[in-house]
Amino acid sequence: MIQEIYIIDDDESSVLVFRELFKNDPEYKFISVTSDKIKVALKNIPSIIIINEDAIEVDVIDLCEKIRNDEDNSITPIIVVSSNSDKNHRIKILKESVEYYIKKPVNPQYLYFTIKNLSRLLNINRRISPLTGLPGNVQIHAELKKRISNKEEFSVLYLDLDNFKAYNDVYGFLKGDEIIKFTADTIIKCIHSQISDGSFVGHIGGDDFIAIVPTLNCEDLCKNIIANFDAEVTKFFTEDDSEKGYIEVANRKGVIEQFPLTSISIGVVEADKGRFANMLEIGEVGAQVKHLAKSVIGSSYAIDRRKK
């Protein structure tokens, strides 16, 4: 994946230094932009923004503030390189949520590895769901592989929401995101209250979640998750919809259909020591048992207790 890094300076000399420094790293692309054209950089949402304070004619603090206040670049890392050694100046810049303030003269290797390591952290963070803060598929796969290779005894809970598309159609995606975050919080709270050590919760994507727990006895855990979810999910519906117990959605033909309120389905796979050779086998059984849970109207769970 190409890392586009924008260099902000008005004489456009700095970009040559960076291109030379990263000449053996083709995945890094350095682009020079003058301070009066900062909107160009912000529009393209770069991986990192580097500001050469000595080579700009605008106030660096105002510039950093402008970058941070841009909605699309609120989390874009900023590095300020400057010959200004005043402590108060440096602190003012860091107060604008600037990640690094590097004082000149700059050691080339220090600058090189600062950018490389910051990029590595960005790649790690991309594997985490920005909505829920939970680990994504890379960590989920690693966690399953680890437990299988260690021949551990564990259970995998596959959780997702029922009638979630209908909810989004009626209430919109922003409200849908709120239910996703609520679901994540509910799963974490219930699992950590019952199994404090050795548990893992991940966000597969959308309304799909996974939990890995170091026990084969998950019935009470499933009941607890469902009870907490059902007790609180009604707050995401209007009073009228909550009282009716359903929402109405027009299908593609314009016909009004009724859907029950959003519920949660849980499919559990008990992974006895040595039962599964790889995570694909677990996934296949998980899909079957979750389908069984979703065949029941309302929140429900199903547990696969087969030994082979």
Protein backbone atom coordinates (compact mmCIF):
# COMPACT_ATOMS: atom_id res chain seq x y z
CA MET A 1 0.00 0.00 0.00
CA ILE A 2 1.39 3.40 -1.05
CA GLN A 3 1.92 5.84 1.82
CA GLU A 4 1.29 9.38 0.54
CA ILE A 5 3.14 11.86 2.76
CA TYR A 6 2.67 15.58 2.19
CA ILE A 7 5.53 17.97 2.90
CA ILE A 8 4.37 21.51 3.68
CA ASP A 9 6.98 24.13 2.80
CA ASP A 10 6.99 27.23 0.62
CA ASP A 11 10.31 26.75 -1.15
CA GLU A 12 9.58 23.07 -1.98
CA SER A 13 13.14 22.05 -1.15
CA SER A 14 12.40 19.58 1.64
CA VAL A 15 10.69 17.01 -0.55
CA LEU A 16 13.98 16.25 -2.32
CA VAL A 17 15.58 15.35 1.01
CA PHE A 18 12.79 12.92 1.86
CA ARG A 19 12.77 11.33 -1.59
CA GLU A 20 16.48 10.69 -1.31
CA LEU A 21 16.10 9.35 2.23
CA PHE A 22 13.40 6.88 1.12
CA LYS A 23 14.79 6.06 -2.33
CA ASN A 24 14.84 2.35 -1.45
CA ASP A 25 11.27 2.39 -0.11
CA PRO A 26 8.96 2.62 -3.15
CA GLU A 27 5.85 2.32 -0.96
CA TYR A 28 6.47 5.89 0.29
CA LYS A 29 5.43 8.78 -1.95
CA PHE A 30 6.41 12.31 -0.89
CA ILE A 31 4.43 15.26 -2.28
CA SER A 32 5.34 18.91 -1.79
CA VAL A 33 2.60 21.49 -1.12
CA THR A 34 3.01 25.18 -0.28
CA SER A 35 1.32 26.46 2.86
CA ASP A 36 -1.20 28.54 0.90
CA LYS A 37 -2.43 25.35 -0.80
CA ILE A 38 -2.91 23.28 2.35
CA LYS A 39 -6.43 22.46 1.17
CA VAL A 40 -4.88 20.34 -1.59
CA ALA A 41 -3.17 18.14 0.99
CA LEU A 42 -6.24 17.93 3.24
CA LYS A 43 -8.50 17.01 0.33
CA ASN A 44 -6.37 13.96 -0.45
CA ILE A 45 -6.19 12.79 3.20
CA PRO A 46 -2.48 11.93 3.35
CA SER A 47 -0.98 9.22 5.54
CA ILE A 48 1.25 11.77 7.31
CA ILE A 49 1.74 15.55 7.09
CA ILE A 50 5.25 16.98 7.66
CA ILE A 51 5.62 20.74 8.15
CA ASN A 52 8.97 22.44 7.65
CA GLU A 53 8.38 25.47 9.91
CA ASP A 54 11.49 27.29 8.70
CA ALA A 55 10.21 27.25 5.12
CA ILE A 56 6.63 28.49 5.56
CA GLU A 57 5.33 32.07 5.70
CA VAL A 58 2.23 31.36 7.83
CA ASP A 59 1.98 30.76 11.57
CA VAL A 60 2.72 27.09 12.21
CA ILE A 61 0.29 26.86 15.14
CA ASP A 62 -2.55 28.23 13.01
CA LEU A 63 -1.61 25.76 10.31
CA CYS A 64 -1.64 22.80 12.71
CA GLU A 65 -4.97 23.93 14.11
CA LYS A 66 -6.43 24.12 10.60
CA ILE A 67 -5.28 20.56 9.88
CA ARG A 68 -6.66 19.20 13.17
CA ASN A 69 -10.01 20.92 12.71
CA ASP A 70 -10.47 19.38 9.27
CA GLU A 71 -12.95 16.55 9.77
CA ASP A 72 -11.26 14.18 7.32
CA ASN A 73 -7.79 14.78 8.79
CA SER A 74 -8.60 14.92 12.49
CA ILE A 75 -6.42 11.84 13.07
CA THR A 76 -3.78 12.40 10.36
CA PRO A 77 -0.37 12.42 12.12
CA ILE A 78 1.55 15.69 11.96
CA ILE A 79 5.32 16.11 12.25
CA VAL A 80 6.77 19.60 12.65
CA VAL A 81 10.45 20.06 11.80
CA SER A 82 11.91 23.35 13.05
CA SER A 83 15.06 25.16 14.16
CA ASN A 84 13.10 27.01 16.85
CA SER A 85 14.42 25.77 20.18
CA ASP A 86 12.07 27.77 22.41
CA LYS A 87 10.41 25.43 24.90
CA ASN A 88 7.12 27.32 25.07
CA HIS A 89 6.85 27.37 21.30
CA ARG A 90 7.37 23.64 21.15
CA ILE A 91 4.69 23.01 23.80
CA LYS A 92 2.19 25.26 22.01
CA ILE A 93 2.65 23.20 18.88
CA LEU A 94 2.28 19.89 20.72
CA LYS A 95 -0.92 21.21 22.32
CA GLU A 96 -2.43 21.20 18.84
CA SER A 97 -2.24 17.37 18.95
CA VAL A 98 0.91 17.30 16.83
CA GLU A 99 2.57 13.91 17.15
CA TYR A 100 6.23 14.94 16.81
CA TYR A 101 8.27 18.13 17.07
CA ILE A 102 11.73 17.47 15.62
CA LYS A 103 14.40 20.10 16.16
CA LYS A 104 16.98 20.88 13.48
CA PRO A 105 19.60 19.90 12.64
CA VAL A 106 17.93 16.56 12.02
CA ASN A 107 19.75 13.27 12.03
CA PRO A 108 18.65 11.59 8.76
CA GLN A 109 18.35 8.16 10.36
CA TYR A 110 16.29 9.56 13.24
CA LEU A 111 13.91 11.18 10.75
CA TYR A 112 13.77 8.02 8.61
CA PHE A 113 12.86 5.68 11.47
CA THR A 114 10.42 8.17 13.01
CA ILE A 115 8.41 8.13 9.78
CA LYS A 116 8.77 4.36 9.33
CA ASN A 117 7.65 3.61 12.88
CA LEU A 118 4.75 6.05 12.69
CA SER A 119 3.62 4.35 9.49
CA ARG A 120 3.83 0.97 11.21
CA LEU A 121 1.55 2.21 14.01
CA LEU A 122 -0.89 3.52 11.41
CA ASN A 123 -1.01 0.12 9.74
CA ILE A 124 -1.69 -1.53 13.09
CA ASN A 125 -4.46 0.95 13.85
CA ARG A 126 -6.08 0.28 10.48
CA ARG A 127 -6.62 -3.28 11.64
CA ILE A 128 -8.76 -2.01 14.51
CA SER A 129 -12.40 -1.07 13.94
CA PRO A 130 -12.60 2.74 14.01
CA LEU A 131 -16.22 2.48 15.15
CA THR A 132 -15.88 0.11 18.10
CA GLY A 133 -12.13 0.14 18.80
CA LEU A 134 -12.15 -3.66 18.72
CA PRO A 135 -9.55 -5.81 16.94
CA GLY A 136 -10.35 -6.70 13.33
CA ASN A 137 -9.84 -9.78 11.19
CA VAL A 138 -6.02 -9.84 11.33
CA GLN A 139 -5.99 -10.10 15.12
CA ILE A 140 -9.02 -12.43 15.13
CA HIS A 141 -7.25 -14.89 12.85
CA ALA A 142 -4.04 -14.67 14.88
CA GLU A 143 -5.95 -15.32 18.12
CA LEU A 144 -7.70 -18.40 16.71
CA LYS A 145 -4.46 -19.78 15.24
CA LYS A 146 -2.68 -19.31 18.56
CA ARG A 147 -5.30 -21.20 20.56
CA ILE A 148 -5.53 -24.03 18.03
CA SER A 149 -1.75 -24.46 17.83
CA ASN A 150 -1.50 -24.44 21.64
CA LYS A 151 -4.24 -27.11 21.74
CA GLU A 152 -6.26 -25.01 24.16
CA GLU A 153 -9.83 -25.66 25.19
CA PHE A 154 -12.05 -22.73 24.24
CA SER A 155 -15.37 -21.62 22.80
CA VAL A 156 -16.04 -19.23 19.92
CA LEU A 157 -19.13 -17.04 19.98
CA TYR A 158 -20.33 -15.64 16.66
CA LEU A 159 -22.71 -12.74 17.28
CA ASP A 160 -24.70 -10.59 14.89
CA LEU A 161 -27.85 -8.50 14.78
CA ASP A 162 -31.23 -9.47 13.35
CA ASN A 163 -33.23 -7.03 11.18
CA PHE A 164 -30.34 -4.56 11.25
CA LYS A 165 -30.76 -3.58 7.58
CA ALA A 166 -34.40 -2.70 8.24
CA TYR A 167 -33.30 -0.54 11.17
CA ASN A 168 -30.79 1.32 8.99
CA ASP A 169 -33.45 1.86 6.32
CA VAL A 170 -35.79 3.51 8.83
CA TYR A 171 -33.42 5.30 11.22
CA GLY A 172 -30.34 5.89 9.06
CA PHE A 173 -26.71 4.80 9.21
CA LEU A 174 -25.68 7.16 12.00
CA LYS A 175 -28.25 5.65 14.36
CA GLY A 176 -27.19 2.23 13.05
CA ASP A 177 -23.62 3.01 14.12
CA GLU A 178 -24.93 3.78 17.59
CA ILE A 179 -26.46 0.31 17.85
CA ILE A 180 -23.21 -1.25 16.64
CA LYS A 181 -21.27 0.56 19.39
CA PHE A 182 -23.90 -0.39 21.96
CA THR A 183 -23.65 -4.05 20.88
CA ALA A 184 -19.85 -3.99 21.23
CA ASP A 185 -20.09 -2.44 24.69
CA THR A 186 -22.70 -4.99 25.78
CA ILE A 187 -20.62 -7.96 24.63
CA ILE A 188 -17.46 -6.63 26.32
CA LYS A 189 -19.26 -5.80 29.58
CA CYS A 190 -20.94 -9.21 29.84
CA ILE A 191 -17.85 -11.23 28.96
CA HIS A 192 -15.50 -9.31 31.25
CA SER A 193 -17.97 -9.54 34.15
CA GLN A 194 -18.07 -13.35 33.88
CA ILE A 195 -14.69 -14.26 32.38
CA SER A 196 -12.08 -11.70 33.37
CA ASP A 197 -8.98 -13.53 32.07
CA GLY A 198 -8.18 -15.07 28.71
CA SER A 199 -11.15 -13.70 26.77
CA PHE A 200 -11.00 -11.94 23.39
CA VAL A 201 -13.63 -9.83 21.63
CA GLY A 202 -13.28 -8.81 17.98
CA HIS A 203 -15.30 -6.91 15.38
CA ILE A 204 -15.50 -8.87 12.12
CA GLY A 205 -17.25 -5.98 10.41
CA GLY A 206 -20.69 -4.41 10.12
CA ASP A 207 -22.96 -6.01 12.71
CA ASP A 208 -20.81 -9.15 13.03
CA PHE A 209 -18.78 -9.80 16.18
CA ILE A 210 -16.73 -12.65 17.57
CA ALA A 211 -15.73 -13.61 21.11
CA ILE A 212 -13.24 -16.29 22.14
CA VAL A 213 -13.45 -17.47 25.74
CA PRO A 214 -11.39 -20.09 27.63
CA THR A 215 -14.34 -22.27 28.64
CA LEU A 216 -16.76 -24.78 27.13
CA ASN A 217 -19.64 -23.64 29.33
CA CYS A 218 -21.15 -20.57 27.63
CA GLU A 219 -24.87 -20.96 28.25
CA ASP A 220 -25.04 -18.45 31.11
CA LEU A 221 -22.84 -16.03 29.17
CA CYS A 222 -25.18 -16.13 26.16
CA LYS A 223 -28.21 -15.59 28.37
CA ASN A 224 -26.51 -12.63 30.03
CA ILE A 225 -25.60 -10.98 26.72
CA ILE A 226 -29.14 -11.42 25.40
CA ALA A 227 -30.76 -10.13 28.62
CA ASN A 228 -28.58 -7.00 28.66
CA PHE A 229 -29.03 -6.38 24.93
CA ASP A 230 -32.82 -6.75 24.95
CA ALA A 231 -33.17 -4.58 28.05
CA GLU A 232 -31.34 -1.62 26.48
CA VAL A 233 -31.83 -1.83 22.71
CA THR A 234 -35.32 -0.29 22.87
CA LYS A 235 -33.75 3.11 23.64
CA PHE A 236 -32.65 3.24 20.00
CA PHE A 237 -36.28 3.14 18.80
CA THR A 238 -39.06 5.68 19.02
CA GLU A 239 -41.59 5.14 21.76
CA ASP A 240 -44.22 4.28 19.14
CA ASP A 241 -42.04 1.58 17.50
CA SER A 242 -41.07 0.16 20.89
CA GLU A 243 -44.70 -0.17 21.92
CA LYS A 244 -45.65 -1.80 18.61
CA GLY A 245 -42.68 -4.15 18.76
CA TYR A 246 -41.90 -3.74 15.09
CA ILE A 247 -40.87 -1.22 12.42
CA GLU A 248 -42.36 -0.71 8.98
CA VAL A 249 -40.21 -0.59 5.85
CA ALA A 250 -41.24 -0.20 2.21
CA ASN A 251 -39.70 -2.89 -0.02
CA ARG A 252 -38.51 -2.34 -3.59
CA LYS A 253 -42.07 -2.64 -4.88
CA GLY A 254 -43.30 -0.04 -2.42
CA VAL A 255 -45.13 -2.57 -0.30
CA ILE A 256 -44.91 -1.91 3.45
CA GLU A 257 -43.35 -4.78 5.40
CA GLN A 258 -43.12 -5.25 9.15
CA PHE A 259 -39.87 -6.24 10.87
CA PRO A 260 -39.40 -7.09 14.56
CA LEU A 261 -37.18 -4.80 16.63
CA THR A 262 -33.44 -5.43 16.31
CA SER A 263 -32.32 -8.50 18.26
CA ILE A 264 -29.07 -10.43 18.67
CA SER A 265 -28.25 -13.98 17.60
CA ILE A 266 -25.36 -15.98 19.03
CA GLY A 267 -23.87 -19.15 17.58
CA VAL A 268 -21.40 -20.94 19.85
CA VAL A 269 -18.78 -23.48 18.81
CA GLU A 270 -17.17 -25.51 21.57
CA ALA A 271 -13.58 -26.21 20.59
CA ASP A 272 -12.40 -29.16 22.67
CA LYS A 273 -8.67 -29.83 22.67
CA GLY A 274 -7.70 -31.11 19.25
CA ARG A 275 -11.21 -30.94 17.77
CA PHE A 276 -10.29 -28.48 15.03
CA ALA A 277 -7.21 -28.51 12.81
CA ASN A 278 -7.61 -24.91 11.63
CA MET A 279 -9.82 -21.86 11.94
CA LEU A 280 -11.63 -22.57 8.65
CA GLU A 281 -13.17 -25.66 10.25
CA ILE A 282 -14.33 -23.55 13.18
CA GLY A 283 -15.78 -20.96 10.80
CA GLU A 284 -17.79 -23.59 8.91
CA VAL A 285 -19.37 -24.95 12.09
CA GLY A 286 -19.87 -21.39 13.36
CA ALA A 287 -21.84 -20.44 10.23
CA GLN A 288 -24.10 -23.47 10.69
CA VAL A 289 -24.85 -22.87 14.36
CA LYS A 290 -25.36 -19.12 13.91
CA HIS A 291 -27.84 -19.84 11.11
CA LEU A 292 -29.71 -22.05 13.54
CA ALA A 293 -29.84 -19.25 16.12
CA LYS A 294 -31.06 -16.75 13.52
CA SER A 295 -33.94 -19.04 12.50
CA VAL A 296 -35.59 -18.17 15.83
CA ILE A 297 -37.51 -14.86 16.00
CA GLY A 298 -36.01 -12.52 18.60
CA SER A 299 -32.72 -12.78 20.45
CA SER A 300 -31.51 -16.35 20.76
CA TYR A 301 -28.46 -18.57 20.95
CA ALA A 302 -27.47 -22.02 19.73
CA ILE A 303 -24.50 -24.10 20.89
CA ASP A 304 -22.66 -26.75 18.90
CA ARG A 305 -21.46 -29.34 21.40
CA ARG A 306 -20.28 -31.99 18.98
CA LYS A 307 -16.96 -33.51 19.88
CA LYS A 308 -15.82 -34.26 16.32
